[in-house]
Amino acid sequence: MRPLKDRISITIDSDILEKLRDRAEYDDRSLSQYINLVLKRHLEELEKEKK
């Protein structure tokens, strides 16, 4: 069963959004999927540093 997802609204600087869109397209993902992946990886890195 897929995990539940929540819809949120955020504000992102235009230059960052443009880079995210470019990277998502390069990675053949939707913008939402790519942002989710980036955040997940970042949180995993923080957990590694914590240990």
PDB file of N, CA and C in Angstrom:
ATOM      1  N   MET A   1       0.842  -1.186   0.000  1.00  0.00           N
ATOM      2  CA  MET A   1       0.000   0.000   0.000  1.00  0.00           C
ATOM      3  C   MET A   1       0.887   1.251   0.000  1.00  0.00           C
ATOM      4  N   ARG A   2       0.574   2.201  -0.860  1.00  0.00           N
ATOM      5  CA  ARG A   2       1.360   3.421  -0.961  1.00  0.00           C
ATOM      6  C   ARG A   2       1.151   4.298   0.266  1.00  0.00           C
ATOM      7  N   PRO A   3       2.222   4.979   0.680  1.00  0.00           N
ATOM      8  CA  PRO A   3       2.062   5.893   1.826  1.00  0.00           C
ATOM      9  C   PRO A   3       1.156   7.060   1.457  1.00  0.00           C
ATOM     10  N   LEU A   4       0.465   7.559   2.429  1.00  0.00           N
ATOM     11  CA  LEU A   4      -0.406   8.714   2.210  1.00  0.00           C
ATOM     12  C   LEU A   4       0.440   9.952   1.987  1.00  0.00           C
ATOM     13  N   LYS A   5      -0.041  10.826   1.174  1.00  0.00           N
ATOM     14  CA  LYS A   5       0.674  12.062   0.898  1.00  0.00           C
ATOM     15  C   LYS A   5      -0.208  13.242   1.256  1.00  0.00           C
ATOM     16  N   ASP A   6       0.430  14.308   1.697  1.00  0.00           N
ATOM     17  CA  ASP A   6      -0.281  15.538   2.035  1.00  0.00           C
ATOM     18  C   ASP A   6       0.046  16.605   1.012  1.00  0.00           C
ATOM     19  N   ARG A   7      -0.935  17.401   0.714  1.00  0.00           N
ATOM     20  CA  ARG A   7      -0.754  18.517  -0.211  1.00  0.00           C
ATOM     21  C   ARG A   7      -0.471  19.763   0.623  1.00  0.00           C
ATOM     22  N   ILE A   8       0.587  20.484   0.226  1.00  0.00           N
ATOM     23  CA  ILE A   8       0.935  21.724   0.919  1.00  0.00           C
ATOM     24  C   ILE A   8       1.171  22.821  -0.107  1.00  0.00           C
ATOM     25  N   SER A   9       1.260  24.023   0.369  1.00  0.00           N
ATOM     26  CA  SER A   9       1.587  25.161  -0.477  1.00  0.00           C
ATOM     27  C   SER A   9       2.820  25.829   0.112  1.00  0.00           C
ATOM     28  N   ILE A  10       3.843  26.047  -0.726  1.00  0.00           N
ATOM     29  CA  ILE A  10       5.064  26.702  -0.256  1.00  0.00           C
ATOM     30  C   ILE A  10       5.464  27.789  -1.243  1.00  0.00           C
ATOM     31  N   THR A  11       6.340  28.655  -0.797  1.00  0.00           N
ATOM     32  CA  THR A  11       6.899  29.696  -1.650  1.00  0.00           C
ATOM     33  C   THR A  11       8.371  29.380  -1.853  1.00  0.00           C
ATOM     34  N   ILE A  12       8.790  29.363  -3.127  1.00  0.00           N
ATOM     35  CA  ILE A  12      10.172  29.042  -3.479  1.00  0.00           C
ATOM     36  C   ILE A  12      10.723  30.170  -4.341  1.00  0.00           C
ATOM     37  N   ASP A  13      11.953  30.565  -4.079  1.00  0.00           N
ATOM     38  CA  ASP A  13      12.592  31.582  -4.909  1.00  0.00           C
ATOM     39  C   ASP A  13      12.590  31.145  -6.367  1.00  0.00           C
ATOM     40  N   SER A  14      12.376  32.092  -7.257  1.00  0.00           N
ATOM     41  CA  SER A  14      12.263  31.796  -8.688  1.00  0.00           C
ATOM     42  C   SER A  14      13.487  31.093  -9.257  1.00  0.00           C
ATOM     43  N   ASP A  15      14.682  31.521  -8.846  1.00  0.00           N
ATOM     44  CA  ASP A  15      15.894  30.902  -9.378  1.00  0.00           C
ATOM     45  C   ASP A  15      16.031  29.450  -8.930  1.00  0.00           C
ATOM     46  N   ILE A  16      15.629  29.166  -7.706  1.00  0.00           N
ATOM     47  CA  ILE A  16      15.689  27.789  -7.199  1.00  0.00           C
ATOM     48  C   ILE A  16      14.648  26.931  -7.903  1.00  0.00           C
ATOM     49  N   LEU A  17      13.461  27.473  -8.086  1.00  0.00           N
ATOM     50  CA  LEU A  17      12.403  26.739  -8.769  1.00  0.00           C
ATOM     51  C   LEU A  17      12.813  26.382 -10.196  1.00  0.00           C
ATOM     52  N   GLU A  18      13.443  27.301 -10.880  1.00  0.00           N
ATOM     53  CA  GLU A  18      13.893  27.047 -12.245  1.00  0.00           C
ATOM     54  C   GLU A  18      14.909  25.888 -12.270  1.00  0.00           C
ATOM     55  N   LYS A  19      15.838  25.907 -11.331  1.00  0.00           N
ATOM     56  CA  LYS A  19      16.834  24.826 -11.256  1.00  0.00           C
ATOM     57  C   LYS A  19      16.176  23.493 -10.917  1.00  0.00           C
ATOM     58  N   LEU A  20      15.211  23.519  -9.997  1.00  0.00           N
ATOM     59  CA  LEU A  20      14.505  22.288  -9.646  1.00  0.00           C
ATOM     60  C   LEU A  20      13.743  21.721 -10.836  1.00  0.00           C
ATOM     61  N   ARG A  21      13.082  22.592 -11.582  1.00  0.00           N
ATOM     62  CA  ARG A  21      12.351  22.143 -12.779  1.00  0.00           C
ATOM     63  C   ARG A  21      13.301  21.523 -13.802  1.00  0.00           C
ATOM     64  N   ASP A  22      14.445  22.172 -14.007  1.00  0.00           N
ATOM     65  CA  ASP A  22      15.434  21.643 -14.955  1.00  0.00           C
ATOM     66  C   ASP A  22      15.934  20.266 -14.523  1.00  0.00           C
ATOM     67  N   ARG A  23      16.249  20.136 -13.253  1.00  0.00           N
ATOM     68  CA  ARG A  23      16.765  18.856 -12.744  1.00  0.00           C
ATOM     69  C   ARG A  23      15.692  17.773 -12.785  1.00  0.00           C
ATOM     70  N   ALA A  24      14.471  18.133 -12.464  1.00  0.00           N
ATOM     71  CA  ALA A  24      13.367  17.166 -12.507  1.00  0.00           C
ATOM     72  C   ALA A  24      13.170  16.663 -13.932  1.00  0.00           C
ATOM     73  N   GLU A  25      13.204  17.581 -14.883  1.00  0.00           N
ATOM     74  CA  GLU A  25      13.042  17.190 -16.281  1.00  0.00           C
ATOM     75  C   GLU A  25      14.198  16.292 -16.730  1.00  0.00           C
ATOM     76  N   TYR A  26      15.415  16.653 -16.347  1.00  0.00           N
ATOM     77  CA  TYR A  26      16.586  15.851 -16.701  1.00  0.00           C
ATOM     78  C   TYR A  26      16.479  14.447 -16.120  1.00  0.00           C
ATOM     79  N   ASP A  27      15.930  14.360 -14.904  1.00  0.00           N
ATOM     80  CA  ASP A  27      15.782  13.086 -14.191  1.00  0.00           C
ATOM     81  C   ASP A  27      14.500  12.348 -14.595  1.00  0.00           C
ATOM     82  N   ASP A  28      13.740  12.931 -15.523  1.00  0.00           N
ATOM     83  CA  ASP A  28      12.475  12.365 -16.011  1.00  0.00           C
ATOM     84  C   ASP A  28      11.485  12.119 -14.871  1.00  0.00           C
ATOM     85  N   ARG A  29      11.341  13.120 -14.025  1.00  0.00           N
ATOM     86  CA  ARG A  29      10.409  13.074 -12.892  1.00  0.00           C
ATOM     87  C   ARG A  29       9.541  14.329 -12.913  1.00  0.00           C
ATOM     88  N   SER A  30       8.423  14.234 -12.219  1.00  0.00           N
ATOM     89  CA  SER A  30       7.627  15.445 -12.030  1.00  0.00           C
ATOM     90  C   SER A  30       8.356  16.329 -11.021  1.00  0.00           C
ATOM     91  N   LEU A  31       8.018  17.600 -11.029  1.00  0.00           N
ATOM     92  CA  LEU A  31       8.627  18.519 -10.069  1.00  0.00           C
ATOM     93  C   LEU A  31       8.359  18.061  -8.644  1.00  0.00           C
ATOM     94  N   SER A  32       7.148  17.654  -8.369  1.00  0.00           N
ATOM     95  CA  SER A  32       6.780  17.185  -7.035  1.00  0.00           C
ATOM     96  C   SER A  32       7.600  15.962  -6.620  1.00  0.00           C
ATOM     97  N   GLN A  33       7.732  15.013  -7.526  1.00  0.00           N
ATOM     98  CA  GLN A  33       8.530  13.813  -7.227  1.00  0.00           C
ATOM     99  C   GLN A  33       9.978  14.186  -6.956  1.00  0.00           C
ATOM    100  N   TYR A  34      10.507  15.101  -7.743  1.00  0.00           N
ATOM    101  CA  TYR A  34      11.905  15.486  -7.571  1.00  0.00           C
ATOM    102  C   TYR A  34      12.135  16.204  -6.243  1.00  0.00           C
ATOM    103  N   ILE A  35      11.260  17.125  -5.895  1.00  0.00           N
ATOM    104  CA  ILE A  35      11.391  17.834  -4.617  1.00  0.00           C
ATOM    105  C   ILE A  35      11.298  16.841  -3.462  1.00  0.00           C
ATOM    106  N   ASN A  36      10.381  15.895  -3.555  1.00  0.00           N
ATOM    107  CA  ASN A  36      10.241  14.868  -2.523  1.00  0.00           C
ATOM    108  C   ASN A  36      11.548  14.078  -2.375  1.00  0.00           C
ATOM    109  N   LEU A  37      12.147  13.704  -3.498  1.00  0.00           N
ATOM    110  CA  LEU A  37      13.396  12.951  -3.493  1.00  0.00           C
ATOM    111  C   LEU A  37      14.525  13.761  -2.856  1.00  0.00           C
ATOM    112  N   VAL A  38      14.633  15.014  -3.233  1.00  0.00           N
ATOM    113  CA  VAL A  38      15.681  15.881  -2.690  1.00  0.00           C
ATOM    114  C   VAL A  38      15.523  16.039  -1.171  1.00  0.00           C
ATOM    115  N   LEU A  39      14.312  16.262  -0.734  1.00  0.00           N
ATOM    116  CA  LEU A  39      14.071  16.410   0.707  1.00  0.00           C
ATOM    117  C   LEU A  39      14.359  15.121   1.463  1.00  0.00           C
ATOM    118  N   LYS A  40      13.958  13.998   0.885  1.00  0.00           N
ATOM    119  CA  LYS A  40      14.206  12.703   1.521  1.00  0.00           C
ATOM    120  C   LYS A  40      15.708  12.460   1.673  1.00  0.00           C
ATOM    121  N   ARG A  41      16.461  12.705   0.610  1.00  0.00           N
ATOM    122  CA  ARG A  41      17.923  12.515   0.659  1.00  0.00           C
ATOM    123  C   ARG A  41      18.560  13.446   1.685  1.00  0.00           C
ATOM    124  N   HIS A  42      18.086  14.683   1.729  1.00  0.00           N
ATOM    125  CA  HIS A  42      18.622  15.643   2.693  1.00  0.00           C
ATOM    126  C   HIS A  42      18.373  15.169   4.132  1.00  0.00           C
ATOM    127  N   LEU A  43      17.178  14.706   4.406  1.00  0.00           N
ATOM    128  CA  LEU A  43      16.858  14.219   5.748  1.00  0.00           C
ATOM    129  C   LEU A  43      17.675  12.987   6.114  1.00  0.00           C
ATOM    130  N   GLU A  44      17.905  12.108   5.133  1.00  0.00           N
ATOM    131  CA  GLU A  44      18.751  10.938   5.376  1.00  0.00           C
ATOM    132  C   GLU A  44      20.177  11.357   5.721  1.00  0.00           C
ATOM    133  N   GLU A  45      20.691  12.359   5.031  1.00  0.00           N
ATOM    134  CA  GLU A  45      22.037  12.867   5.321  1.00  0.00           C
ATOM    135  C   GLU A  45      22.107  13.464   6.726  1.00  0.00           C
ATOM    136  N   LEU A  46      21.082  14.188   7.117  1.00  0.00           N
ATOM    137  CA  LEU A  46      21.058  14.754   8.469  1.00  0.00           C
ATOM    138  C   LEU A  46      21.061  13.650   9.519  1.00  0.00           C
ATOM    139  N   GLU A  47      20.327  12.578   9.265  1.00  0.00           N
ATOM    140  CA  GLU A  47      20.296  11.456  10.201  1.00  0.00           C
ATOM    141  C   GLU A  47      21.660  10.786  10.310  1.00  0.00           C
ATOM    142  N   LYS A  48      22.366  10.669   9.185  1.00  0.00           N
ATOM    143  CA  LYS A  48      23.707  10.073   9.195  1.00  0.00           C
ATOM    144  C   LYS A  48      24.655  10.922  10.020  1.00  0.00           C
ATOM    145  N   GLU A  49      24.583  12.228   9.844  1.00  0.00           N
ATOM    146  CA  GLU A  49      25.443  13.146  10.593  1.00  0.00           C
ATOM    147  C   GLU A  49      25.160  13.097  12.077  1.00  0.00           C
ATOM    148  N   LYS A  50      23.915  12.858  12.405  1.00  0.00           N
ATOM    149  CA  LYS A  50      23.475  12.833  13.807  1.00  0.00           C
ATOM    150  C   LYS A  50      24.087  11.645  14.559  1.00  0.00           C
ATOM    151  N   LYS A  51      24.320  10.546  13.840  1.00  0.00           N
ATOM    152  CA  LYS A  51      24.831   9.320  14.477  1.00  0.00           C
ATOM    153  C   LYS A  51      26.309   9.312  14.664  1.00  0.00           C
TER     154      LYS A  51
END
